[in-house]
Every structure is written in structure tokens, then in C-alpha cells.
Amino acid sequence: MAESNARYYSTRDPLGTAGDFVTAPEISQMFGELIGLWLADLWIRAGRDQPVHYVELGPGRGTLARDALSAARRCGLTPQVHFVETSTALKAQQQALHPTAQWHHDLATLPTLGPLLIVANEFLDALPVRQLVRTCAGWRERMIGHDGRAYAFVAGSQPMDAALPGAFRDAPEGTIVETCPAAAAAIGEVAERLAAQGGAALFIDYGSDRAQAGSTLQAVRAHRRLDPFAAPGEADLTAHVDFATLAGIAQSRGVRWLGTVAQGHFLRALGIETRAQNLAACAPERAEAIFAARDRLIEEDQMGALFKVMGLAAASWPDAAGF
């Protein structure tokens, strides 16, 4: 999964109607604006510490940062901008919008002085998962084999009971459990930075706020789902995010878990409906499109329920809106 996605993201811009999928920042400016205001509000109430850094993990085309930073500036927040990005194709687009930003391959080279305001939208879902399957011989890692004609899932030979989350130890044969060591490591590193430097983080992705069994691995190309083995390196591979496990990891590193809520709840609490009304009043000819974009972001049968927002903050930082 890691190798396939590394090739996929390094060779194309996958976003937009001409690409493979559309993310929330591309749907409406309201998404980024409200995130920028959330960051600014929290930073102001935390004491306006300087220097302060805006950090985005997997920033896509830079659209979210553009809208968030524009809104934040109106509140006096003008942070240094840092992007954690490995795709050369997307980095070129980010540079066009944010020529003074600094780019990083991972979190290790981020500044160590000043609070970090971290945003990650649809970042965790693309990190490689490990799957464990209950067989008649016990728990085994779900691996990939080839039957002479095509790739296929196979059960490994080594016992994997020690790697299994305790809640599923007695699950019936055939049960599949996903874990994501890469997401756990990323959350752990973010939490340690926040604990040491101050700041807050928002992780927005599709997933669950409680641990669940089952495979969520999927492939998307040209806005359609397909077999994950159909086109390795040519389709976006993702899996649902286990926010419950990640929240526990963050708390174990000494930061506050602000909560995990549905995206629709979060955006409504931040005022997306009022913002949509104001935009429509300023551009009546676009009112229908503005309201359609709002609904796509917040309605339960669209992105409003499946997508979750998890907030983290340094122990000394205040409570945040939306949770």
C-alpha cells in the first residue's frame, strides 16, 4: 500500500473533477475559512505567542492553506507556513500559491521554537494499514500473494496474536482487524511536538470514533471505486481512520484530546450556515452552488457524518470551538 501510494502521488495531481477524487477544500472556500478562524480564535485565547507556525500535512494543491490563512490574517494571525509534502507534482502547485512557504519531507525538520498550528485533511487515510485475520490456526497477518493470474489476499504463516488489539482477541474465525502503525507514529510525533512547543492540531478524515472490525481498504480512480489489486500505483488506496485509537495515543503523549466529532457538527458549530448565507447574498447568481457545496460538506448522507474531526491541543491551551 505504501509503495503503490508513493508512486501514485509522485506522478500526478489526483484532485478535482479531472482527477480521481475531490476533497473538502476543493468543494468550497468555506471549509478552509472556518478552519483558519478556528486556529486564529484558539491562538488568540492562548496568548498570541510568537513565532507561530501553520503546518499542513499533505496540503494537496494548497487550497485549504490559502483559504485558512486568508481568514486567519483578518484576525491578526500571520504564521510562518510549513508544508509536509512528498509529491513533486503537488509541490509545484503549492509553490504557486504559497511562494514563501517552507517544505518538509516529514515532521522531524519542523521548527522547534513556537507553537504549531497543525492541519491534516485526508492525510491519515492514505497511510498504509496492516490487516490481521482470524484463521483456524489463530491470528495471522493478511498478506498479498499471486495465484499465477492475479494478486490475491493470503494469510501469513507467523502467529500475530501479540499485535492484536485486545478488544478483538476472541473474535470469530474470518474476522479482519486493521491497524495503522504509520498513523499511530504520526499522531504520536504531533502530540509530542504540541506538548513541548504548544499549539493545536486538527485531523479531518473519514473513519470511526470507535474501534471496529472489518476491512476498509479501498481503491479509487476517476471518482469510482475499483479492486485494490486492479491498478497498483495508478489508483488512490485508502482505509478508514481509527480515531479512537489515535486519541488514546495522543493523550498518552501528554496533550489534550479536544474531542472527535462528525464534520457536519463541527462546521455547523463554527458557523458554516451563516457564512453560506453571507456568500449567497454577495453573489446571488452563485447561491445555488454555494448552498449545494454547504450541504455536501455537512449533510449526513454526504460528507457530514462519515468524515470526522479530531482536535488536539497542548495541555496549557484553552478549550476550542466545535467540540
Protein backbone atom coordinates (compact mmCIF):
# COMPACT_ATOMS: atom_id res chain seq x y z
CA MET A 1 0.00 0.00 0.00
CA ALA A 2 2.82 2.40 0.86
CA GLU A 3 4.72 1.65 -2.35
CA SER A 4 1.59 1.95 -4.51
CA ASN A 5 0.59 5.30 -3.00
CA ALA A 6 4.15 6.63 -3.20
CA ARG A 7 4.14 6.04 -6.95
CA TYR A 8 0.58 7.29 -7.33
CA TYR A 9 1.11 10.63 -5.59
CA SER A 10 4.54 11.26 -7.10
CA THR A 11 3.29 11.04 -10.70
CA ARG A 12 0.08 13.11 -10.81
CA ASP A 13 -2.28 15.68 -9.41
CA PRO A 14 -5.16 13.40 -8.32
CA LEU A 15 -7.54 16.17 -7.25
CA GLY A 16 -10.58 17.73 -8.89
CA THR A 17 -13.19 16.63 -11.38
CA ALA A 18 -10.49 15.80 -13.93
CA GLY A 19 -8.60 13.69 -11.35
CA ASP A 20 -9.62 10.79 -9.15
CA PHE A 21 -11.31 12.43 -6.15
CA VAL A 22 -12.41 15.77 -4.70
CA THR A 23 -11.56 16.89 -1.16
CA ALA A 24 -13.43 19.34 1.05
CA PRO A 25 -11.20 22.39 0.35
CA GLU A 26 -11.88 21.98 -3.38
CA ILE A 27 -15.64 21.88 -2.76
CA SER A 28 -15.91 25.27 -1.07
CA GLN A 29 -13.79 28.08 0.34
CA MET A 30 -15.97 27.91 3.46
CA PHE A 31 -14.18 24.79 4.65
CA GLY A 32 -10.75 26.40 4.76
CA GLU A 33 -12.03 29.73 6.04
CA LEU A 34 -13.66 28.16 9.08
CA ILE A 35 -10.54 26.16 9.88
CA GLY A 36 -8.48 29.35 9.67
CA LEU A 37 -10.85 31.11 12.07
CA TRP A 38 -10.76 28.11 14.43
CA LEU A 39 -6.97 28.31 14.55
CA ALA A 40 -6.95 32.09 15.00
CA ASP A 41 -9.52 32.01 17.79
CA LEU A 42 -7.59 29.39 19.72
CA TRP A 43 -4.23 31.13 19.20
CA ILE A 44 -5.64 34.47 20.40
CA ARG A 45 -7.12 32.95 23.55
CA ALA A 46 -3.88 31.04 24.20
CA GLY A 47 -1.94 34.32 24.39
CA ARG A 48 -0.84 35.14 20.81
CA ASP A 49 2.60 33.53 21.23
CA GLN A 50 5.25 34.31 18.60
CA PRO A 51 6.72 32.90 16.50
CA VAL A 52 3.80 30.73 15.45
CA HIS A 53 3.75 28.17 12.66
CA TYR A 54 0.98 26.93 10.37
CA VAL A 55 1.79 23.32 9.46
CA GLU A 56 -0.23 21.30 6.96
CA LEU A 57 0.30 17.60 6.42
CA GLY A 58 -0.48 16.55 2.85
CA PRO A 59 -1.63 20.00 1.68
CA GLY A 60 -2.89 18.96 -1.75
CA ARG A 61 -2.92 21.92 -4.12
CA GLY A 62 -2.55 24.40 -1.25
CA THR A 63 -6.22 25.39 -1.46
CA LEU A 64 -7.02 24.73 2.19
CA ALA A 65 -3.99 26.74 3.32
CA ARG A 66 -4.92 29.61 1.01
CA ASP A 67 -8.43 29.92 2.44
CA ALA A 68 -7.43 29.23 6.06
CA LEU A 69 -4.55 31.72 6.09
CA SER A 70 -6.66 34.40 4.40
CA ALA A 71 -9.29 34.12 7.14
CA ALA A 72 -6.68 33.93 9.90
CA ARG A 73 -4.96 37.11 8.69
CA ARG A 74 -8.16 39.06 9.25
CA CYS A 75 -7.84 38.12 12.93
CA GLY A 76 -4.17 39.10 13.21
CA LEU A 77 -2.73 35.60 12.80
CA THR A 78 0.09 35.61 10.22
CA PRO A 79 2.08 32.45 10.89
CA GLN A 80 5.10 31.06 9.14
CA VAL A 81 3.87 28.42 6.69
CA HIS A 82 5.19 24.87 6.54
CA PHE A 83 4.05 22.03 4.29
CA VAL A 84 4.86 18.38 4.86
CA GLU A 85 4.74 17.02 1.32
CA THR A 86 6.46 14.27 -0.68
CA SER A 87 4.70 14.70 -4.06
CA THR A 88 6.72 16.77 -6.52
CA ALA A 89 3.65 17.19 -8.74
CA LEU A 90 1.61 18.75 -5.93
CA LYS A 91 4.52 20.73 -4.51
CA ALA A 92 4.73 22.71 -7.75
CA GLN A 93 1.10 23.79 -7.36
CA GLN A 94 1.62 24.63 -3.69
CA GLN A 95 4.60 26.84 -4.57
CA ALA A 96 2.46 28.86 -6.98
CA LEU A 97 0.01 29.73 -4.18
CA HIS A 98 2.49 29.91 -1.29
CA PRO A 99 5.89 31.00 -2.61
CA THR A 100 7.28 31.83 0.85
CA ALA A 101 6.30 28.52 2.46
CA GLN A 102 8.86 26.01 3.68
CA TRP A 103 8.63 22.37 2.63
CA HIS A 104 9.47 19.31 4.70
CA HIS A 105 9.64 15.61 3.91
CA ASP A 106 8.45 14.75 7.43
CA LEU A 107 7.82 16.34 10.81
CA ALA A 108 11.41 15.97 12.01
CA THR A 109 12.61 19.20 10.36
CA LEU A 110 9.77 21.45 11.59
CA PRO A 111 10.81 24.40 13.80
CA THR A 112 11.28 23.62 17.48
CA LEU A 113 10.55 27.15 18.76
CA GLY A 114 7.00 28.48 18.93
CA PRO A 115 3.56 26.85 18.89
CA LEU A 116 2.46 24.70 15.95
CA LEU A 117 -0.99 25.01 14.37
CA ILE A 118 -1.30 21.72 12.53
CA VAL A 119 -3.96 20.78 9.97
CA ALA A 120 -4.27 17.42 8.23
CA ASN A 121 -7.22 16.91 5.89
CA GLU A 122 -7.45 13.46 4.31
CA PHE A 123 -3.86 12.70 5.25
CA LEU A 124 -4.16 9.76 7.64
CA ASP A 125 -6.41 7.69 5.37
CA ALA A 126 -3.64 7.22 2.78
CA LEU A 127 -1.11 5.83 5.27
CA PRO A 128 -0.54 2.08 4.93
CA VAL A 129 -2.59 -0.23 7.11
CA ARG A 130 -1.79 -3.68 8.45
CA GLN A 131 -4.60 -6.23 8.45
CA LEU A 132 -4.84 -9.20 10.80
CA VAL A 133 -7.22 -12.07 10.06
CA ARG A 134 -8.51 -14.75 12.43
CA THR A 135 -7.82 -18.19 10.93
CA CYS A 136 -8.44 -21.69 12.26
CA ALA A 137 -4.82 -21.60 13.49
CA GLY A 138 -5.13 -18.21 15.22
CA TRP A 139 -4.41 -14.63 14.19
CA ARG A 140 -2.25 -14.12 11.10
CA GLU A 141 -1.21 -11.10 9.08
CA ARG A 142 -3.21 -10.65 5.89
CA MET A 143 -0.67 -10.56 3.10
CA ILE A 144 -0.59 -10.44 -0.70
CA GLY A 145 0.12 -13.41 -2.92
CA HIS A 146 -0.21 -14.20 -6.61
CA ASP A 147 -2.13 -17.17 -7.96
CA GLY A 148 -0.49 -17.09 -11.41
CA ARG A 149 -3.15 -14.82 -12.87
CA ALA A 150 -3.77 -12.08 -10.33
CA TYR A 151 -2.93 -10.79 -6.89
CA ALA A 152 -4.92 -12.22 -4.00
CA PHE A 153 -5.09 -11.93 -0.22
CA VAL A 154 -3.42 -14.75 1.71
CA ALA A 155 -2.87 -15.40 5.39
CA GLY A 156 0.71 -15.30 6.60
CA SER A 157 2.33 -18.19 8.44
CA GLN A 158 3.54 -16.36 11.56
CA PRO A 159 1.32 -16.01 14.66
CA MET A 160 0.28 -12.37 15.15
CA ASP A 161 -1.72 -12.59 18.38
CA ALA A 162 0.68 -10.23 20.14
CA ALA A 163 -0.06 -7.45 17.61
CA LEU A 164 -3.83 -7.72 18.00
CA PRO A 165 -5.79 -5.02 19.85
CA GLY A 166 -7.22 -6.64 22.97
CA ALA A 167 -10.86 -5.88 22.16
CA PHE A 168 -10.84 -8.38 19.26
CA ARG A 169 -8.93 -11.27 20.81
CA ASP A 170 -11.95 -13.59 20.93
CA ALA A 171 -13.48 -12.58 17.59
CA PRO A 172 -14.74 -15.41 15.35
CA GLU A 173 -12.79 -17.00 12.52
CA GLY A 174 -12.71 -14.83 9.40
CA THR A 175 -12.68 -11.55 11.34
CA ILE A 176 -10.35 -8.90 9.92
CA VAL A 177 -8.82 -6.20 12.11
CA GLU A 178 -6.96 -3.18 10.72
CA THR A 179 -4.21 -1.26 12.44
CA CYS A 180 -2.17 1.63 11.09
CA PRO A 181 1.30 1.87 12.63
CA ALA A 182 2.15 4.85 10.40
CA ALA A 183 -0.85 6.86 11.63
CA ALA A 184 -0.03 5.94 15.23
CA ALA A 185 3.54 7.17 14.72
CA ALA A 186 2.39 10.41 13.09
CA ILE A 187 -0.09 11.19 15.87
CA GLY A 188 2.50 10.35 18.49
CA GLU A 189 5.03 12.70 16.92
CA VAL A 190 2.50 15.52 16.55
CA ALA A 191 1.41 15.11 20.17
CA GLU A 192 4.98 15.22 21.44
CA ARG A 193 5.60 18.44 19.49
CA LEU A 194 2.45 20.07 20.85
CA ALA A 195 3.33 19.04 24.39
CA ALA A 196 6.79 20.54 24.04
CA GLN A 197 6.04 23.69 21.99
CA GLY A 198 2.37 24.47 22.50
CA GLY A 199 -0.25 24.64 19.79
CA ALA A 200 -3.16 22.65 18.44
CA ALA A 201 -3.98 20.21 15.66
CA LEU A 202 -6.99 19.25 13.58
CA PHE A 203 -7.16 15.86 11.85
CA ILE A 204 -10.06 15.56 9.40
CA ASP A 205 -10.73 12.29 7.63
CA TYR A 206 -13.26 9.57 7.05
CA GLY A 207 -13.31 6.97 9.75
CA SER A 208 -14.84 5.95 13.06
CA ASP A 209 -14.68 7.28 16.59
CA ARG A 210 -14.77 3.74 17.99
CA ALA A 211 -12.72 0.64 17.15
CA GLN A 212 -14.40 -1.63 14.59
CA ALA A 213 -13.55 -4.89 12.88
CA GLY A 214 -13.55 -5.38 9.12
CA SER A 215 -11.53 -4.37 6.08
CA THR A 216 -11.98 -0.78 4.91
CA LEU A 217 -9.22 -0.86 2.27
CA GLN A 218 -10.44 0.71 -0.96
CA ALA A 219 -9.12 2.00 -4.26
CA VAL A 220 -10.49 4.99 -6.17
CA ARG A 221 -9.76 6.10 -9.72
CA ALA A 222 -11.71 8.60 -11.82
CA HIS A 223 -14.19 9.02 -8.94
CA ARG A 224 -15.08 5.32 -8.98
CA ARG A 225 -14.18 2.51 -6.63
CA LEU A 226 -12.28 -0.45 -8.03
CA ASP A 227 -10.50 -3.58 -6.86
CA PRO A 228 -7.40 -2.50 -4.86
CA PHE A 229 -5.36 -5.00 -6.92
CA ALA A 230 -6.63 -3.76 -10.30
CA ALA A 231 -4.11 -0.98 -10.87
CA PRO A 232 -1.35 -0.72 -8.23
CA GLY A 233 0.25 2.72 -8.34
CA GLU A 234 -2.48 4.07 -10.63
CA ALA A 235 -5.31 4.41 -8.10
CA ASP A 236 -5.62 6.04 -4.68
CA LEU A 237 -5.50 3.46 -1.90
CA THR A 238 -7.06 4.44 1.43
CA ALA A 239 -8.53 2.96 4.60
CA HIS A 240 -10.79 4.37 7.30
CA VAL A 241 -9.10 6.09 10.23
CA ASP A 242 -9.44 4.61 13.73
CA PHE A 243 -9.82 7.88 15.64
CA ALA A 244 -10.47 6.17 18.97
CA THR A 245 -7.07 4.50 18.99
CA LEU A 246 -5.32 7.67 17.80
CA ALA A 247 -6.95 9.79 20.51
CA GLY A 248 -5.60 7.42 23.13
CA ILE A 249 -2.10 7.62 21.66
CA ALA A 250 -2.19 11.43 21.68
CA GLN A 251 -3.32 11.56 25.30
CA SER A 252 -0.55 9.17 26.31
CA ARG A 253 1.95 11.74 24.98
CA GLY A 254 0.66 14.47 27.29
CA VAL A 255 -1.69 16.52 25.10
CA ARG A 256 -5.37 17.27 25.47
CA TRP A 257 -7.83 15.44 23.27
CA LEU A 258 -10.44 18.09 22.49
CA GLY A 259 -12.81 15.53 21.04
CA THR A 260 -13.75 13.70 17.87
CA VAL A 261 -16.97 14.84 16.20
CA ALA A 262 -18.69 14.49 12.85
CA GLN A 263 -17.59 17.01 10.23
CA GLY A 264 -21.14 18.28 9.84
CA HIS A 265 -21.39 19.02 13.57
CA PHE A 266 -18.02 20.76 13.58
CA LEU A 267 -18.72 23.02 10.60
CA ARG A 268 -22.20 23.92 11.83
CA ALA A 269 -20.78 24.86 15.22
CA LEU A 270 -18.25 27.12 13.51
CA GLY A 271 -20.97 28.92 11.52
CA ILE A 272 -20.94 27.45 8.02
CA GLU A 273 -24.65 28.11 7.54
CA THR A 274 -24.26 31.81 8.32
CA ARG A 275 -21.20 32.02 6.09
CA ALA A 276 -23.10 30.39 3.22
CA GLN A 277 -25.95 32.88 3.60
CA ASN A 278 -23.49 35.79 3.51
CA LEU A 279 -21.69 34.47 0.43
CA ALA A 280 -25.01 33.91 -1.35
CA ALA A 281 -26.14 37.44 -0.52
CA CYS A 282 -22.94 38.83 -2.06
CA ALA A 283 -23.23 36.65 -5.18
CA PRO A 284 -26.89 35.77 -5.79
CA GLU A 285 -26.06 34.21 -9.15
CA ARG A 286 -23.97 31.59 -7.31
CA ALA A 287 -26.38 30.97 -4.43
CA GLU A 288 -27.49 27.54 -5.64
CA ALA A 289 -23.89 26.32 -5.98
CA ILE A 290 -22.93 27.79 -2.59
CA PHE A 291 -25.76 26.02 -0.79
CA ALA A 292 -25.06 22.76 -2.65
CA ALA A 293 -21.43 22.91 -1.52
CA ARG A 294 -22.51 23.62 2.06
CA ASP A 295 -24.82 20.61 2.00
CA ARG A 296 -22.14 18.35 0.58
CA LEU A 297 -19.85 19.24 3.47
CA ILE A 298 -22.33 18.93 6.33
CA GLU A 299 -25.28 16.68 5.46
CA GLU A 300 -25.26 13.20 6.99
CA ASP A 301 -25.88 11.43 3.67
CA GLN A 302 -22.90 13.19 2.09
CA MET A 303 -19.67 14.08 3.97
CA GLY A 304 -21.20 15.29 7.21
CA ALA A 305 -21.32 12.01 9.14
CA LEU A 306 -18.66 9.75 7.59
CA PHE A 307 -15.95 12.38 7.96
CA LYS A 308 -14.73 13.07 11.48
CA VAL A 309 -12.75 15.94 13.02
CA MET A 310 -10.33 15.20 15.86
CA GLY A 311 -8.85 18.08 17.83
CA LEU A 312 -5.69 18.07 19.93
CA ALA A 313 -4.12 20.85 21.96
CA ALA A 314 -1.24 21.45 24.32
CA ALA A 315 -2.17 20.96 27.97
CA SER A 316 -1.96 24.70 28.69
CA TRP A 317 -4.12 25.75 25.73
CA PRO A 318 -7.83 26.55 26.15
CA ASP A 319 -10.89 24.63 25.02
CA ALA A 320 -11.79 25.01 21.35
CA ALA A 321 -14.97 25.69 19.42
CA GLY A 322 -16.73 22.84 17.66
CA PHE A 323 -16.12 20.07 20.20
